[in-house]
N, C-alpha and C. Protein backbone atom coordinates (compact mmCIF):
# COMPACT_ATOMS: atom_id res chain seq x y z
N MET A 1 0.82 -1.17 0.00
CA MET A 1 0.00 0.00 0.00
C MET A 1 0.86 1.24 0.00
N LYS A 2 0.24 2.28 -0.38
CA LYS A 2 0.92 3.55 -0.44
C LYS A 2 0.97 4.18 0.94
N GLU A 3 2.14 4.69 1.25
CA GLU A 3 2.25 5.38 2.54
C GLU A 3 1.57 6.73 2.44
N SER A 4 1.12 7.24 3.54
CA SER A 4 0.51 8.56 3.58
C SER A 4 1.55 9.61 3.28
N MET A 5 1.14 10.59 2.47
CA MET A 5 2.07 11.66 2.12
C MET A 5 2.02 12.72 3.20
N SER A 6 3.14 13.39 3.30
CA SER A 6 3.17 14.50 4.26
C SER A 6 2.41 15.68 3.65
N ALA A 7 2.15 16.66 4.45
CA ALA A 7 1.40 17.84 4.00
C ALA A 7 2.15 18.57 2.89
N LYS A 8 3.47 18.61 2.98
CA LYS A 8 4.27 19.27 1.96
C LYS A 8 4.18 18.53 0.63
N GLU A 9 4.26 17.22 0.68
CA GLU A 9 4.18 16.42 -0.54
C GLU A 9 2.81 16.56 -1.20
N ARG A 10 1.77 16.57 -0.36
CA ARG A 10 0.43 16.76 -0.89
C ARG A 10 0.29 18.12 -1.57
N ALA A 11 0.83 19.15 -0.95
CA ALA A 11 0.77 20.50 -1.53
C ALA A 11 1.52 20.55 -2.86
N VAL A 12 2.69 19.90 -2.93
CA VAL A 12 3.45 19.88 -4.18
C VAL A 12 2.68 19.12 -5.26
N ARG A 13 2.09 18.00 -4.88
CA ARG A 13 1.32 17.21 -5.84
C ARG A 13 0.11 18.00 -6.35
N ILE A 14 -0.56 18.70 -5.47
CA ILE A 14 -1.71 19.52 -5.87
C ILE A 14 -1.28 20.62 -6.84
N GLU A 15 -0.14 21.26 -6.55
CA GLU A 15 0.36 22.31 -7.44
C GLU A 15 0.73 21.75 -8.81
N LEU A 16 1.32 20.58 -8.83
CA LEU A 16 1.66 19.94 -10.10
C LEU A 16 0.40 19.62 -10.90
N LEU A 17 -0.63 19.12 -10.23
CA LEU A 17 -1.89 18.84 -10.91
C LEU A 17 -2.56 20.11 -11.43
N ARG A 18 -2.48 21.18 -10.65
CA ARG A 18 -3.04 22.47 -11.10
C ARG A 18 -2.28 22.99 -12.33
N ALA A 19 -0.95 22.85 -12.30
CA ALA A 19 -0.14 23.31 -13.45
C ALA A 19 -0.48 22.50 -14.70
N ARG A 20 -0.63 21.19 -14.52
CA ARG A 20 -0.98 20.33 -15.66
C ARG A 20 -2.35 20.71 -16.20
N ALA A 21 -3.31 20.97 -15.33
CA ALA A 21 -4.65 21.36 -15.76
C ALA A 21 -4.61 22.70 -16.50
N ALA A 22 -3.79 23.65 -16.02
CA ALA A 22 -3.67 24.95 -16.69
C ALA A 22 -3.08 24.78 -18.08
N LEU A 23 -2.06 23.93 -18.20
CA LEU A 23 -1.46 23.69 -19.52
C LEU A 23 -2.45 23.03 -20.47
N GLU A 24 -3.25 22.11 -19.97
CA GLU A 24 -4.25 21.47 -20.81
C GLU A 24 -5.32 22.45 -21.25
N ARG A 25 -5.73 23.36 -20.35
CA ARG A 25 -6.71 24.38 -20.72
C ARG A 25 -6.14 25.30 -21.80
N GLN A 26 -4.87 25.71 -21.65
CA GLN A 26 -4.24 26.56 -22.66
C GLN A 26 -4.17 25.85 -24.01
N SER A 27 -3.84 24.58 -23.98
CA SER A 27 -3.78 23.80 -25.21
C SER A 27 -5.16 23.71 -25.87
N LEU A 28 -6.18 23.51 -25.07
CA LEU A 28 -7.54 23.44 -25.58
C LEU A 28 -7.96 24.78 -26.20
N VAL A 29 -7.65 25.89 -25.55
CA VAL A 29 -7.98 27.21 -26.08
C VAL A 29 -7.24 27.44 -27.39
N ARG A 30 -5.97 27.09 -27.44
CA ARG A 30 -5.17 27.25 -28.66
C ARG A 30 -5.76 26.43 -29.80
N GLY A 31 -6.17 25.21 -29.51
CA GLY A 31 -6.79 24.37 -30.53
C GLY A 31 -8.11 24.94 -31.03
N ALA A 32 -8.91 25.47 -30.11
CA ALA A 32 -10.19 26.07 -30.51
C ALA A 32 -9.97 27.30 -31.39
N ARG A 33 -8.97 28.11 -31.06
CA ARG A 33 -8.64 29.27 -31.90
C ARG A 33 -8.18 28.82 -33.28
N GLY A 34 -7.38 27.76 -33.31
CA GLY A 34 -6.91 27.23 -34.60
C GLY A 34 -8.06 26.76 -35.47
N VAL A 35 -9.03 26.10 -34.86
CA VAL A 35 -10.20 25.64 -35.61
C VAL A 35 -10.99 26.85 -36.10
N GLY A 36 -11.13 27.86 -35.25
CA GLY A 36 -11.85 29.08 -35.65
C GLY A 36 -11.17 29.77 -36.81
N MET A 37 -9.86 29.84 -36.80
CA MET A 37 -9.12 30.46 -37.89
C MET A 37 -9.24 29.63 -39.17
N ALA A 38 -9.23 28.31 -39.03
CA ALA A 38 -9.32 27.44 -40.19
C ALA A 38 -10.69 27.50 -40.85
N LEU A 39 -11.72 27.91 -40.11
CA LEU A 39 -13.06 27.96 -40.66
C LEU A 39 -13.43 29.33 -41.22
N GLN A 40 -12.50 30.28 -41.22
CA GLN A 40 -12.77 31.58 -41.81
C GLN A 40 -12.80 31.44 -43.33
N PRO A 41 -13.62 32.25 -44.00
CA PRO A 41 -13.74 32.12 -45.46
C PRO A 41 -12.40 32.25 -46.19
N ARG A 42 -11.56 33.15 -45.72
CA ARG A 42 -10.27 33.36 -46.39
C ARG A 42 -9.40 32.10 -46.33
N SER A 43 -9.33 31.46 -45.17
CA SER A 43 -8.50 30.27 -45.08
C SER A 43 -9.15 29.07 -45.77
N LEU A 44 -10.49 29.02 -45.81
CA LEU A 44 -11.15 27.96 -46.59
C LEU A 44 -10.84 28.12 -48.08
N LEU A 45 -10.88 29.37 -48.56
CA LEU A 45 -10.55 29.64 -49.95
C LEU A 45 -9.10 29.27 -50.23
N HIS A 46 -8.23 29.62 -49.30
CA HIS A 46 -6.81 29.30 -49.48
C HIS A 46 -6.57 27.79 -49.49
N SER A 47 -7.31 27.06 -48.68
CA SER A 47 -7.11 25.61 -48.66
C SER A 47 -7.65 24.96 -49.93
N LEU A 48 -8.71 25.53 -50.52
CA LEU A 48 -9.26 24.97 -51.75
C LEU A 48 -8.46 25.38 -52.98
N PHE A 49 -8.06 26.67 -53.02
CA PHE A 49 -7.32 27.20 -54.16
C PHE A 49 -6.10 27.96 -53.66
N PRO A 50 -5.02 27.27 -53.31
CA PRO A 50 -3.87 27.95 -52.71
C PRO A 50 -3.24 29.00 -53.62
N ARG A 51 -3.20 28.75 -54.90
CA ARG A 51 -2.56 29.69 -55.80
C ARG A 51 -3.40 30.95 -55.99
N LEU A 52 -4.71 30.77 -56.10
CA LEU A 52 -5.59 31.91 -56.31
C LEU A 52 -5.76 32.75 -55.06
N ALA A 53 -5.79 32.11 -53.91
CA ALA A 53 -6.05 32.83 -52.66
C ALA A 53 -4.86 33.68 -52.24
N SER A 54 -3.68 33.38 -52.76
CA SER A 54 -2.50 34.13 -52.33
C SER A 54 -2.43 35.50 -52.98
N ARG A 55 -3.24 35.74 -54.01
CA ARG A 55 -3.22 37.03 -54.68
C ARG A 55 -3.99 38.06 -53.89
N SER A 56 -3.54 39.30 -54.01
CA SER A 56 -4.25 40.41 -53.38
C SER A 56 -5.38 40.86 -54.31
N PRO A 57 -6.29 41.68 -53.82
CA PRO A 57 -7.34 42.20 -54.71
C PRO A 57 -6.76 42.97 -55.89
N ALA A 58 -5.66 43.67 -55.67
CA ALA A 58 -5.02 44.38 -56.78
C ALA A 58 -4.50 43.38 -57.81
N GLY A 59 -4.01 42.25 -57.36
CA GLY A 59 -3.56 41.20 -58.27
C GLY A 59 -4.71 40.64 -59.10
N TRP A 60 -5.86 40.50 -58.46
CA TRP A 60 -7.05 40.04 -59.19
C TRP A 60 -7.42 41.04 -60.28
N LEU A 61 -7.38 42.34 -59.94
CA LEU A 61 -7.73 43.36 -60.93
C LEU A 61 -6.73 43.36 -62.09
N TYR A 62 -5.47 43.22 -61.76
CA TYR A 62 -4.46 43.19 -62.81
C TYR A 62 -4.66 41.98 -63.71
N GLN A 63 -4.98 40.84 -63.13
CA GLN A 63 -5.24 39.64 -63.92
C GLN A 63 -6.46 39.84 -64.81
N ALA A 64 -7.50 40.48 -64.29
CA ALA A 64 -8.68 40.76 -65.10
C ALA A 64 -8.34 41.70 -66.26
N PHE A 65 -7.52 42.71 -65.98
CA PHE A 65 -7.09 43.63 -67.03
C PHE A 65 -6.29 42.90 -68.10
N ALA A 66 -5.38 42.02 -67.68
CA ALA A 66 -4.58 41.26 -68.65
C ALA A 66 -5.47 40.35 -69.49
N LEU A 67 -6.47 39.74 -68.88
CA LEU A 67 -7.38 38.88 -69.63
C LEU A 67 -8.22 39.67 -70.63
N THR A 68 -8.66 40.86 -70.24
CA THR A 68 -9.46 41.66 -71.18
C THR A 68 -8.62 42.15 -72.34
N ARG A 69 -7.35 42.37 -72.12
CA ARG A 69 -6.48 42.75 -73.25
C ARG A 69 -6.24 41.56 -74.16
N ARG A 70 -6.13 40.39 -73.58
CA ARG A 70 -5.88 39.19 -74.39
C ARG A 70 -7.14 38.73 -75.12
N TYR A 71 -8.29 38.86 -74.44
CA TYR A 71 -9.55 38.40 -75.03
C TYR A 71 -10.53 39.58 -75.08
N PRO A 72 -10.55 40.32 -76.18
CA PRO A 72 -11.41 41.51 -76.27
C PRO A 72 -12.90 41.18 -76.13
N LEU A 73 -13.30 39.98 -76.51
CA LEU A 73 -14.71 39.61 -76.37
C LEU A 73 -15.13 39.60 -74.90
N LEU A 74 -14.20 39.24 -74.03
CA LEU A 74 -14.47 39.25 -72.60
C LEU A 74 -14.73 40.68 -72.11
N ALA A 75 -13.91 41.62 -72.59
CA ALA A 75 -14.11 43.03 -72.21
C ALA A 75 -15.45 43.53 -72.73
N SER A 76 -15.81 43.14 -73.92
CA SER A 76 -17.08 43.55 -74.50
C SER A 76 -18.25 42.99 -73.69
N SER A 77 -18.14 41.74 -73.28
CA SER A 77 -19.20 41.12 -72.48
C SER A 77 -19.37 41.80 -71.14
N VAL A 78 -18.24 42.13 -70.51
CA VAL A 78 -18.31 42.80 -69.20
C VAL A 78 -18.92 44.18 -69.35
N SER A 79 -18.52 44.91 -70.37
CA SER A 79 -19.10 46.24 -70.56
C SER A 79 -20.59 46.17 -70.86
N THR A 80 -21.00 45.13 -71.57
CA THR A 80 -22.43 44.95 -71.85
C THR A 80 -23.19 44.66 -70.55
N LEU A 81 -22.62 43.83 -69.71
CA LEU A 81 -23.27 43.55 -68.42
C LEU A 81 -23.35 44.79 -67.56
N LEU A 82 -22.27 45.58 -67.54
CA LEU A 82 -22.28 46.79 -66.71
C LEU A 82 -23.21 47.85 -67.27
N SER A 83 -23.43 47.87 -68.57
CA SER A 83 -24.32 48.89 -69.13
C SER A 83 -25.78 48.62 -68.80
N GLY A 84 -26.12 47.40 -68.47
CA GLY A 84 -27.50 47.06 -68.16
C GLY A 84 -27.82 47.10 -66.68
N VAL A 85 -26.96 47.68 -65.88
CA VAL A 85 -27.16 47.68 -64.44
C VAL A 85 -28.35 48.53 -64.04
N GLY A 86 -28.63 49.61 -64.76
CA GLY A 86 -29.76 50.46 -64.44
C GLY A 86 -29.32 51.89 -64.22
N LYS A 87 -29.99 52.56 -63.29
CA LYS A 87 -29.71 53.98 -63.06
C LYS A 87 -28.29 54.23 -62.56
N ARG A 88 -27.73 53.27 -61.89
CA ARG A 88 -26.40 53.47 -61.30
C ARG A 88 -25.28 53.01 -62.23
N ARG A 89 -25.60 52.78 -63.49
CA ARG A 89 -24.57 52.26 -64.39
C ARG A 89 -23.42 53.23 -64.55
N ARG A 90 -23.71 54.52 -64.50
CA ARG A 90 -22.63 55.50 -64.63
C ARG A 90 -21.66 55.37 -63.46
N TRP A 91 -22.16 55.15 -62.25
CA TRP A 91 -21.30 54.99 -61.08
C TRP A 91 -20.50 53.71 -61.16
N TRP A 92 -21.12 52.65 -61.71
CA TRP A 92 -20.38 51.40 -61.91
C TRP A 92 -19.20 51.63 -62.85
N ARG A 93 -19.47 52.33 -63.94
CA ARG A 93 -18.40 52.59 -64.91
C ARG A 93 -17.30 53.45 -64.31
N ILE A 94 -17.69 54.46 -63.59
CA ILE A 94 -16.70 55.34 -62.97
C ILE A 94 -15.86 54.55 -61.96
N GLY A 95 -16.53 53.75 -61.14
CA GLY A 95 -15.80 52.94 -60.16
C GLY A 95 -14.86 51.95 -60.81
N ALA A 96 -15.34 51.27 -61.86
CA ALA A 96 -14.48 50.31 -62.56
C ALA A 96 -13.31 51.01 -63.22
N GLY A 97 -13.56 52.17 -63.79
CA GLY A 97 -12.47 52.93 -64.43
C GLY A 97 -11.45 53.40 -63.41
N LEU A 98 -11.92 53.85 -62.25
CA LEU A 98 -10.99 54.29 -61.20
C LEU A 98 -10.15 53.12 -60.69
N LEU A 99 -10.77 51.99 -60.45
CA LEU A 99 -10.03 50.82 -59.99
C LEU A 99 -9.00 50.36 -61.02
N LEU A 100 -9.41 50.36 -62.27
CA LEU A 100 -8.50 49.93 -63.33
C LEU A 100 -7.35 50.90 -63.49
N SER A 101 -7.63 52.19 -63.46
CA SER A 101 -6.54 53.17 -63.60
C SER A 101 -5.62 53.15 -62.39
N TRP A 102 -6.17 52.92 -61.21
CA TRP A 102 -5.31 52.82 -60.02
C TRP A 102 -4.36 51.63 -60.14
N GLN A 103 -4.88 50.50 -60.63
CA GLN A 103 -4.04 49.32 -60.77
C GLN A 103 -2.97 49.52 -61.83
N VAL A 104 -3.33 50.14 -62.94
CA VAL A 104 -2.34 50.39 -63.99
C VAL A 104 -1.26 51.33 -63.48
N ALA A 105 -1.66 52.38 -62.76
CA ALA A 105 -0.68 53.31 -62.22
C ALA A 105 0.22 52.62 -61.20
N ARG A 106 -0.35 51.77 -60.40
CA ARG A 106 0.44 51.04 -59.40
C ARG A 106 1.43 50.09 -60.07
N THR A 107 0.97 49.41 -61.11
CA THR A 107 1.84 48.48 -61.84
C THR A 107 2.98 49.24 -62.52
N MET A 108 2.65 50.36 -63.13
CA MET A 108 3.69 51.16 -63.78
C MET A 108 4.70 51.70 -62.76
N GLY A 109 4.22 52.02 -61.57
CA GLY A 109 5.10 52.51 -60.51
C GLY A 109 6.05 51.43 -60.04
N HIS A 110 5.59 50.18 -59.97
CA HIS A 110 6.46 49.08 -59.55
C HIS A 110 7.51 48.75 -60.60
N LYS A 111 7.15 48.92 -61.88
CA LYS A 111 8.12 48.65 -62.93
C LYS A 111 9.22 49.69 -62.97
N GLY A 112 8.92 50.90 -62.51
CA GLY A 112 9.90 51.99 -62.50
C GLY A 112 10.90 51.87 -61.37
N ASP A 113 10.59 51.06 -60.35
CA ASP A 113 11.49 50.93 -59.19
C ASP A 113 12.77 50.21 -59.52
């Protein structure tokens, strides 16, 4: 049989058990945060399409611009879709033009560096 522990040994054992429980709680919290981060839309997109998700929004715009230059029918289709938006079509065009010009200016600035 086990001998009775002294009060000091019991206190040390209790502290060790408390420390182990604290470490397990921290591990559980870290795991829950990891699951939460993994379920965010951005990380889900990255896990499904790693190459596409790594691009920034500016990269997406530049890719769209490159595609419209390569395939003029695509540019024509997009402009047709944007022209049928309704009363706000002018704002759509202005916004698209501003985004496109910002991306072109940014790309030209990077090439000059």
